[in-house]
PDB file of N, CA and C in Angstrom:
ATOM      1  N   UNK A   1      -1.580 -13.714 -32.712  1.00  0.00           N
ATOM      2  CA  UNK A   1      -2.918 -14.218 -32.859  1.00  0.00           C
ATOM      3  C   UNK A   1      -3.624 -13.429 -33.958  1.00  0.00           C
ATOM      4  N   UNK A   2      -4.193 -14.117 -34.896  1.00  0.00           N
ATOM      5  CA  UNK A   2      -4.890 -13.496 -36.002  1.00  0.00           C
ATOM      6  C   UNK A   2      -6.393 -13.718 -35.850  1.00  0.00           C
ATOM      7  N   UNK A   3      -7.155 -12.682 -36.129  1.00  0.00           N
ATOM      8  CA  UNK A   3      -8.607 -12.766 -36.019  1.00  0.00           C
ATOM      9  C   UNK A   3      -9.206 -12.455 -37.382  1.00  0.00           C
ATOM     10  N   UNK A   4     -10.156 -13.255 -37.793  1.00  0.00           N
ATOM     11  CA  UNK A   4     -10.857 -13.015 -39.048  1.00  0.00           C
ATOM     12  C   UNK A   4     -12.280 -12.593 -38.732  1.00  0.00           C
ATOM     13  N   UNK A   5     -12.699 -11.490 -39.305  1.00  0.00           N
ATOM     14  CA  UNK A   5     -14.068 -11.008 -39.138  1.00  0.00           C
ATOM     15  C   UNK A   5     -14.759 -11.138 -40.482  1.00  0.00           C
ATOM     16  N   UNK A   6     -15.911 -11.777 -40.487  1.00  0.00           N
ATOM     17  CA  UNK A   6     -16.671 -11.966 -41.709  1.00  0.00           C
ATOM     18  C   UNK A   6     -17.914 -11.083 -41.647  1.00  0.00           C
ATOM     19  N   UNK A   7     -18.082 -10.213 -42.632  1.00  0.00           N
ATOM     20  CA  UNK A   7     -19.261  -9.350 -42.704  1.00  0.00           C
ATOM     21  C   UNK A   7     -20.230  -9.955 -43.712  1.00  0.00           C
ATOM     22  N   UNK A   8     -21.462 -10.126 -43.280  1.00  0.00           N
ATOM     23  CA  UNK A   8     -22.476 -10.718 -44.154  1.00  0.00           C
ATOM     24  C   UNK A   8     -23.678  -9.783 -44.248  1.00  0.00           C
ATOM     25  N   UNK A   9     -24.381  -9.865 -45.365  1.00  0.00           N
ATOM     26  CA  UNK A   9     -25.630  -9.125 -45.499  1.00  0.00           C
ATOM     27  C   UNK A   9     -26.572  -9.950 -46.369  1.00  0.00           C
ATOM     28  N   UNK A  10     -27.810  -9.530 -46.410  1.00  0.00           N
ATOM     29  CA  UNK A  10     -28.798 -10.214 -47.248  1.00  0.00           C
ATOM     30  C   UNK A  10     -28.321 -10.144 -48.693  1.00  0.00           C
ATOM     31  N   UNK A  11     -28.405 -11.246 -49.436  1.00  0.00           N
ATOM     32  CA  UNK A  11     -27.895 -11.270 -50.820  1.00  0.00           C
ATOM     33  C   UNK A  11     -28.459 -10.159 -51.708  1.00  0.00           C
ATOM     34  N   UNK A  12     -29.697  -9.750 -51.492  1.00  0.00           N
ATOM     35  CA  UNK A  12     -30.283  -8.693 -52.321  1.00  0.00           C
ATOM     36  C   UNK A  12     -29.674  -7.316 -52.039  1.00  0.00           C
ATOM     37  N   UNK A  13     -28.982  -7.189 -50.904  1.00  0.00           N
ATOM     38  CA  UNK A  13     -28.370  -5.906 -50.556  1.00  0.00           C
ATOM     39  C   UNK A  13     -26.896  -5.837 -50.936  1.00  0.00           C
ATOM     40  N   UNK A  14     -26.322  -6.965 -51.361  1.00  0.00           N
ATOM     41  CA  UNK A  14     -24.920  -6.954 -51.784  1.00  0.00           C
ATOM     42  C   UNK A  14     -24.747  -5.996 -52.949  1.00  0.00           C
ATOM     43  N   UNK A  15     -23.727  -5.205 -52.875  1.00  0.00           N
ATOM     44  CA  UNK A  15     -23.483  -4.210 -53.913  1.00  0.00           C
ATOM     45  C   UNK A  15     -24.153  -2.877 -53.616  1.00  0.00           C
ATOM     46  N   UNK A  16     -25.145  -2.876 -52.734  1.00  0.00           N
ATOM     47  CA  UNK A  16     -25.819  -1.634 -52.356  1.00  0.00           C
ATOM     48  C   UNK A  16     -25.257  -1.074 -51.050  1.00  0.00           C
ATOM     49  N   UNK A  17     -24.889  -1.970 -50.139  1.00  0.00           N
ATOM     50  CA  UNK A  17     -24.348  -1.546 -48.854  1.00  0.00           C
ATOM     51  C   UNK A  17     -22.831  -1.401 -48.944  1.00  0.00           C
ATOM     52  N   UNK A  18     -22.281  -0.328 -48.360  1.00  0.00           N
ATOM     53  CA  UNK A  18     -20.828  -0.180 -48.359  1.00  0.00           C
ATOM     54  C   UNK A  18     -20.179  -1.265 -47.498  1.00  0.00           C
ATOM     55  N   UNK A  19     -19.009  -1.714 -47.912  1.00  0.00           N
ATOM     56  CA  UNK A  19     -18.291  -2.736 -47.163  1.00  0.00           C
ATOM     57  C   UNK A  19     -17.602  -2.129 -45.934  1.00  0.00           C
ATOM     58  N   UNK A  20     -17.488  -2.895 -44.857  1.00  0.00           N
ATOM     59  CA  UNK A  20     -16.724  -2.413 -43.697  1.00  0.00           C
ATOM     60  C   UNK A  20     -15.258  -2.199 -44.077  1.00  0.00           C
ATOM     61  N   UNK A  21     -14.620  -1.245 -43.418  1.00  0.00           N
ATOM     62  CA  UNK A  21     -13.208  -0.975 -43.678  1.00  0.00           C
ATOM     63  C   UNK A  21     -12.477  -0.822 -42.348  1.00  0.00           C
ATOM     64  N   UNK A  22     -11.184  -1.093 -42.361  1.00  0.00           N
ATOM     65  CA  UNK A  22     -10.381  -0.878 -41.165  1.00  0.00           C
ATOM     66  C   UNK A  22     -10.359   0.617 -40.864  1.00  0.00           C
ATOM     67  N   UNK A  23     -10.500   0.952 -39.605  1.00  0.00           N
ATOM     68  CA  UNK A  23     -10.565   2.362 -39.207  1.00  0.00           C
ATOM     69  C   UNK A  23      -9.354   3.156 -39.667  1.00  0.00           C
ATOM     70  N   UNK A  24      -8.174   2.563 -39.589  1.00  0.00           N
ATOM     71  CA  UNK A  24      -6.973   3.308 -39.964  1.00  0.00           C
ATOM     72  C   UNK A  24      -6.966   3.677 -41.446  1.00  0.00           C
ATOM     73  N   UNK A  25      -7.792   3.005 -42.247  1.00  0.00           N
ATOM     74  CA  UNK A  25      -7.891   3.326 -43.683  1.00  0.00           C
ATOM     75  C   UNK A  25      -9.027   4.287 -43.983  1.00  0.00           C
ATOM     76  N   UNK A  26      -9.793   4.650 -42.959  1.00  0.00           N
ATOM     77  CA  UNK A  26     -10.947   5.524 -43.173  1.00  0.00           C
ATOM     78  C   UNK A  26     -10.986   6.635 -42.132  1.00  0.00           C
ATOM     79  N   UNK A  27      -9.835   7.195 -41.828  1.00  0.00           N
ATOM     80  CA  UNK A  27      -9.790   8.257 -40.829  1.00  0.00           C
ATOM     81  C   UNK A  27     -10.596   9.462 -41.306  1.00  0.00           C
ATOM     82  N   UNK A  28     -11.363  10.073 -40.417  1.00  0.00           N
ATOM     83  CA  UNK A  28     -12.166  11.233 -40.817  1.00  0.00           C
ATOM     84  C   UNK A  28     -11.281  12.420 -41.206  1.00  0.00           C
ATOM     85  N   UNK A  29     -11.773  13.221 -42.133  1.00  0.00           N
ATOM     86  CA  UNK A  29     -11.016  14.374 -42.636  1.00  0.00           C
ATOM     87  C   UNK A  29     -10.696  15.386 -41.540  1.00  0.00           C
ATOM     88  N   UNK A  30     -11.536  15.477 -40.529  1.00  0.00           N
ATOM     89  CA  UNK A  30     -11.343  16.479 -39.486  1.00  0.00           C
ATOM     90  C   UNK A  30     -10.250  16.098 -38.490  1.00  0.00           C
ATOM     91  N   UNK A  31      -9.787  14.854 -38.527  1.00  0.00           N
ATOM     92  CA  UNK A  31      -8.833  14.407 -37.510  1.00  0.00           C
ATOM     93  C   UNK A  31      -7.425  14.987 -37.709  1.00  0.00           C
ATOM     94  N   UNK A  32      -6.936  15.005 -38.938  1.00  0.00           N
ATOM     95  CA  UNK A  32      -5.563  15.482 -39.171  1.00  0.00           C
ATOM     96  C   UNK A  32      -5.344  16.927 -38.734  1.00  0.00           C
ATOM     97  N   UNK A  33      -6.219  17.862 -39.114  1.00  0.00           N
ATOM     98  CA  UNK A  33      -5.957  19.246 -38.711  1.00  0.00           C
ATOM     99  C   UNK A  33      -6.269  19.543 -37.240  1.00  0.00           C
ATOM    100  N   UNK A  34      -6.898  18.605 -36.525  1.00  0.00           N
ATOM    101  CA  UNK A  34      -7.233  18.844 -35.121  1.00  0.00           C
ATOM    102  C   UNK A  34      -5.954  18.985 -34.296  1.00  0.00           C
ATOM    103  N   UNK A  35      -5.882  20.023 -33.466  1.00  0.00           N
ATOM    104  CA  UNK A  35      -4.703  20.165 -32.602  1.00  0.00           C
ATOM    105  C   UNK A  35      -4.712  19.118 -31.495  1.00  0.00           C
ATOM    106  N   UNK A  36      -3.540  18.828 -30.956  1.00  0.00           N
ATOM    107  CA  UNK A  36      -3.435  17.869 -29.853  1.00  0.00           C
ATOM    108  C   UNK A  36      -3.848  18.486 -28.527  1.00  0.00           C
ATOM    109  N   UNK A  37      -3.705  19.797 -28.425  1.00  0.00           N
ATOM    110  CA  UNK A  37      -4.079  20.520 -27.210  1.00  0.00           C
ATOM    111  C   UNK A  37      -4.749  21.831 -27.592  1.00  0.00           C
ATOM    112  N   UNK A  38      -5.689  22.279 -26.753  1.00  0.00           N
ATOM    113  CA  UNK A  38      -6.362  23.562 -26.951  1.00  0.00           C
ATOM    114  C   UNK A  38      -6.483  24.265 -25.611  1.00  0.00           C
ATOM    115  N   UNK A  39      -6.704  25.569 -25.679  1.00  0.00           N
ATOM    116  CA  UNK A  39      -6.923  26.353 -24.472  1.00  0.00           C
ATOM    117  C   UNK A  39      -8.414  26.370 -24.179  1.00  0.00           C
ATOM    118  N   UNK A  40      -8.778  26.057 -22.936  1.00  0.00           N
ATOM    119  CA  UNK A  40     -10.180  26.013 -22.535  1.00  0.00           C
ATOM    120  C   UNK A  40     -10.529  27.250 -21.716  1.00  0.00           C
ATOM    121  N   UNK A  41     -11.422  28.074 -22.269  1.00  0.00           N
ATOM    122  CA  UNK A  41     -11.878  29.242 -21.520  1.00  0.00           C
ATOM    123  C   UNK A  41     -12.742  28.821 -20.337  1.00  0.00           C
ATOM    124  N   UNK A  42     -13.448  27.687 -20.476  1.00  0.00           N
ATOM    125  CA  UNK A  42     -14.281  27.182 -19.379  1.00  0.00           C
ATOM    126  C   UNK A  42     -13.434  26.807 -18.165  1.00  0.00           C
ATOM    127  N   UNK A  43     -12.192  26.426 -18.404  1.00  0.00           N
ATOM    128  CA  UNK A  43     -11.297  26.021 -17.321  1.00  0.00           C
ATOM    129  C   UNK A  43     -10.296  27.120 -16.974  1.00  0.00           C
ATOM    130  N   UNK A  44     -10.663  28.354 -17.266  1.00  0.00           N
ATOM    131  CA  UNK A  44      -9.811  29.477 -16.896  1.00  0.00           C
ATOM    132  C   UNK A  44      -8.564  29.630 -17.738  1.00  0.00           C
ATOM    133  N   UNK A  45      -8.608  29.171 -18.981  1.00  0.00           N
ATOM    134  CA  UNK A  45      -7.462  29.317 -19.870  1.00  0.00           C
ATOM    135  C   UNK A  45      -6.466  28.185 -19.798  1.00  0.00           C
ATOM    136  N   UNK A  46      -6.784  27.140 -19.045  1.00  0.00           N
ATOM    137  CA  UNK A  46      -5.892  25.972 -18.973  1.00  0.00           C
ATOM    138  C   UNK A  46      -5.836  25.259 -20.318  1.00  0.00           C
ATOM    139  N   UNK A  47      -4.723  24.603 -20.571  1.00  0.00           N
ATOM    140  CA  UNK A  47      -4.566  23.799 -21.781  1.00  0.00           C
ATOM    141  C   UNK A  47      -5.117  22.398 -21.512  1.00  0.00           C
ATOM    142  N   UNK A  48      -5.933  21.913 -22.432  1.00  0.00           N
ATOM    143  CA  UNK A  48      -6.498  20.567 -22.302  1.00  0.00           C
ATOM    144  C   UNK A  48      -6.176  19.753 -23.550  1.00  0.00           C
ATOM    145  N   UNK A  49      -6.076  18.454 -23.377  1.00  0.00           N
ATOM    146  CA  UNK A  49      -5.794  17.571 -24.507  1.00  0.00           C
ATOM    147  C   UNK A  49      -7.086  17.250 -25.254  1.00  0.00           C
ATOM    148  N   UNK A  50      -6.970  17.047 -26.566  1.00  0.00           N
ATOM    149  CA  UNK A  50      -8.138  16.744 -27.405  1.00  0.00           C
ATOM    150  C   UNK A  50      -8.218  15.240 -27.648  1.00  0.00           C
ATOM    151  N   UNK A  51      -9.153  14.845 -28.507  1.00  0.00           N
ATOM    152  CA  UNK A  51      -9.330  13.436 -28.856  1.00  0.00           C
ATOM    153  C   UNK A  51      -8.057  12.800 -29.403  1.00  0.00           C
ATOM    154  N   UNK A  52      -7.184  13.601 -29.980  1.00  0.00           N
ATOM    155  CA  UNK A  52      -5.938  13.068 -30.540  1.00  0.00           C
ATOM    156  C   UNK A  52      -5.039  12.438 -29.482  1.00  0.00           C
ATOM    157  N   UNK A  53      -5.302  12.716 -28.213  1.00  0.00           N
ATOM    158  CA  UNK A  53      -4.499  12.143 -27.135  1.00  0.00           C
ATOM    159  C   UNK A  53      -5.331  11.233 -26.232  1.00  0.00           C
ATOM    160  N   UNK A  54      -6.517  10.837 -26.679  1.00  0.00           N
ATOM    161  CA  UNK A  54      -7.396   9.983 -25.886  1.00  0.00           C
ATOM    162  C   UNK A  54      -7.130   8.514 -26.249  1.00  0.00           C
ATOM    163  N   UNK A  55      -6.564   7.718 -25.338  1.00  0.00           N
ATOM    164  CA  UNK A  55      -6.210   6.330 -25.666  1.00  0.00           C
ATOM    165  C   UNK A  55      -7.356   5.489 -26.257  1.00  0.00           C
ATOM    166  N   UNK A  56      -8.594   5.538 -25.726  1.00  0.00           N
ATOM    167  CA  UNK A  56      -9.648   4.732 -26.346  1.00  0.00           C
ATOM    168  C   UNK A  56      -9.954   5.146 -27.789  1.00  0.00           C
ATOM    169  N   UNK A  57      -9.897   6.453 -28.057  1.00  0.00           N
ATOM    170  CA  UNK A  57     -10.145   6.920 -29.427  1.00  0.00           C
ATOM    171  C   UNK A  57      -9.002   6.477 -30.338  1.00  0.00           C
ATOM    172  N   UNK A  58      -7.776   6.605 -29.872  1.00  0.00           N
ATOM    173  CA  UNK A  58      -6.622   6.170 -30.668  1.00  0.00           C
ATOM    174  C   UNK A  58      -6.694   4.666 -30.959  1.00  0.00           C
ATOM    175  N   UNK A  59      -7.088   3.876 -29.954  1.00  0.00           N
ATOM    176  CA  UNK A  59      -7.241   2.428 -30.162  1.00  0.00           C
ATOM    177  C   UNK A  59      -8.323   2.141 -31.194  1.00  0.00           C
ATOM    178  N   UNK A  60      -9.444   2.835 -31.096  1.00  0.00           N
ATOM    179  CA  UNK A  60     -10.545   2.610 -32.038  1.00  0.00           C
ATOM    180  C   UNK A  60     -10.106   2.920 -33.470  1.00  0.00           C
ATOM    181  N   UNK A  61      -9.355   4.020 -33.641  1.00  0.00           N
ATOM    182  CA  UNK A  61      -8.891   4.368 -34.979  1.00  0.00           C
ATOM    183  C   UNK A  61      -7.785   3.429 -35.453  1.00  0.00           C
ATOM    184  N   UNK A  62      -7.016   2.864 -34.545  1.00  0.00           N
ATOM    185  CA  UNK A  62      -5.899   2.002 -34.933  1.00  0.00           C
ATOM    186  C   UNK A  62      -6.345   0.579 -35.244  1.00  0.00           C
ATOM    187  N   UNK A  63      -7.259   0.031 -34.448  1.00  0.00           N
ATOM    188  CA  UNK A  63      -7.607  -1.382 -34.620  1.00  0.00           C
ATOM    189  C   UNK A  63      -9.099  -1.631 -34.835  1.00  0.00           C
ATOM    190  N   UNK A  64      -9.884  -0.555 -34.921  1.00  0.00           N
ATOM    191  CA  UNK A  64     -11.329  -0.702 -35.067  1.00  0.00           C
ATOM    192  C   UNK A  64     -11.765  -0.949 -36.501  1.00  0.00           C
ATOM    193  N   UNK A  65     -13.059  -1.071 -36.665  1.00  0.00           N
ATOM    194  CA  UNK A  65     -13.663  -1.280 -37.978  1.00  0.00           C
ATOM    195  C   UNK A  65     -14.756  -0.232 -38.163  1.00  0.00           C
ATOM    196  N   UNK A  66     -14.756   0.416 -39.323  1.00  0.00           N
ATOM    197  CA  UNK A  66     -15.788   1.395 -39.653  1.00  0.00           C
ATOM    198  C   UNK A  66     -16.870   0.696 -40.468  1.00  0.00           C
ATOM    199  N   UNK A  67     -18.105   0.984 -40.122  1.00  0.00           N
ATOM    200  CA  UNK A  67     -19.253   0.473 -40.874  1.00  0.00           C
ATOM    201  C   UNK A  67     -19.912   1.673 -41.541  1.00  0.00           C
ATOM    202  N   UNK A  68     -19.514   1.977 -42.773  1.00  0.00           N
ATOM    203  CA  UNK A  68     -20.076   3.146 -43.457  1.00  0.00           C
ATOM    204  C   UNK A  68     -21.589   3.006 -43.639  1.00  0.00           C
ATOM    205  N   UNK A  69     -22.277   4.136 -43.580  1.00  0.00           N
ATOM    206  CA  UNK A  69     -23.722   4.162 -43.779  1.00  0.00           C
ATOM    207  C   UNK A  69     -24.037   4.444 -45.244  1.00  0.00           C
ATOM    208  N   UNK A  70     -25.242   4.097 -45.658  1.00  0.00           N
ATOM    209  CA  UNK A  70     -25.639   4.339 -47.046  1.00  0.00           C
ATOM    210  C   UNK A  70     -26.195   5.747 -47.228  1.00  0.00           C
ATOM    211  N   UNK A  71     -26.372   6.476 -46.131  1.00  0.00           N
ATOM    212  CA  UNK A  71     -26.891   7.838 -46.222  1.00  0.00           C
ATOM    213  C   UNK A  71     -26.239   8.684 -45.128  1.00  0.00           C
ATOM    214  N   UNK A  72     -26.407   9.985 -45.234  1.00  0.00           N
ATOM    215  CA  UNK A  72     -25.897  10.895 -44.213  1.00  0.00           C
ATOM    216  C   UNK A  72     -26.895  10.976 -43.062  1.00  0.00           C
ATOM    217  N   UNK A  73     -26.374  11.085 -41.858  1.00  0.00           N
ATOM    218  CA  UNK A  73     -27.196  11.327 -40.676  1.00  0.00           C
ATOM    219  C   UNK A  73     -26.880  12.708 -40.152  1.00  0.00           C
ATOM    220  N   UNK A  74     -27.893  13.398 -39.678  1.00  0.00           N
ATOM    221  CA  UNK A  74     -27.717  14.738 -39.125  1.00  0.00           C
ATOM    222  C   UNK A  74     -28.186  14.699 -37.675  1.00  0.00           C
ATOM    223  N   UNK A  75     -27.311  15.094 -36.756  1.00  0.00           N
ATOM    224  CA  UNK A  75     -27.677  15.195 -35.347  1.00  0.00           C
ATOM    225  C   UNK A  75     -27.841  16.673 -35.024  1.00  0.00           C
ATOM    226  N   UNK A  76     -29.062  17.064 -34.622  1.00  0.00           N
ATOM    227  CA  UNK A  76     -29.341  18.465 -34.347  1.00  0.00           C
ATOM    228  C   UNK A  76     -30.440  18.558 -33.298  1.00  0.00           C
ATOM    229  N   UNK A  77     -30.237  19.392 -32.328  1.00  0.00           N
ATOM    230  CA  UNK A  77     -31.226  19.625 -31.273  1.00  0.00           C
ATOM    231  C   UNK A  77     -31.686  18.342 -30.609  1.00  0.00           C
ATOM    232  N   UNK A  78     -30.749  17.418 -30.372  1.00  0.00           N
ATOM    233  CA  UNK A  78     -31.079  16.181 -29.688  1.00  0.00           C
ATOM    234  C   UNK A  78     -31.795  15.148 -30.547  1.00  0.00           C
ATOM    235  N   UNK A  79     -31.898  15.395 -31.836  1.00  0.00           N
ATOM    236  CA  UNK A  79     -32.574  14.450 -32.736  1.00  0.00           C
ATOM    237  C   UNK A  79     -31.619  14.042 -33.868  1.00  0.00           C
ATOM    238  N   UNK A  80     -31.816  12.830 -34.352  1.00  0.00           N
ATOM    239  CA  UNK A  80     -31.047  12.335 -35.502  1.00  0.00           C
ATOM    240  C   UNK A  80     -32.010  12.142 -36.659  1.00  0.00           C
ATOM    241  N   UNK A  81     -31.650  12.701 -37.807  1.00  0.00           N
ATOM    242  CA  UNK A  81     -32.513  12.555 -38.984  1.00  0.00           C
ATOM    243  C   UNK A  81     -31.664  12.217 -40.203  1.00  0.00           C
TER     244      UNK A  81
END
């Protein structure tokens, strides 16, 4: 089964807004060096799995769509600016 997704925007914004991309083509830079498991001091030194082993995250990166923003967002102290 093939699905076609059409992204549209106001004609005056064409060329200004970044186009959507398949998630697998826009993996974040921090993902590759992230370990699959880490030691958690909060859990008494037990080994825990990271996002690299989380099925919903893996699905999102494998078959999802990224909608790039036109500016950077900063999340700090419970606020986004």
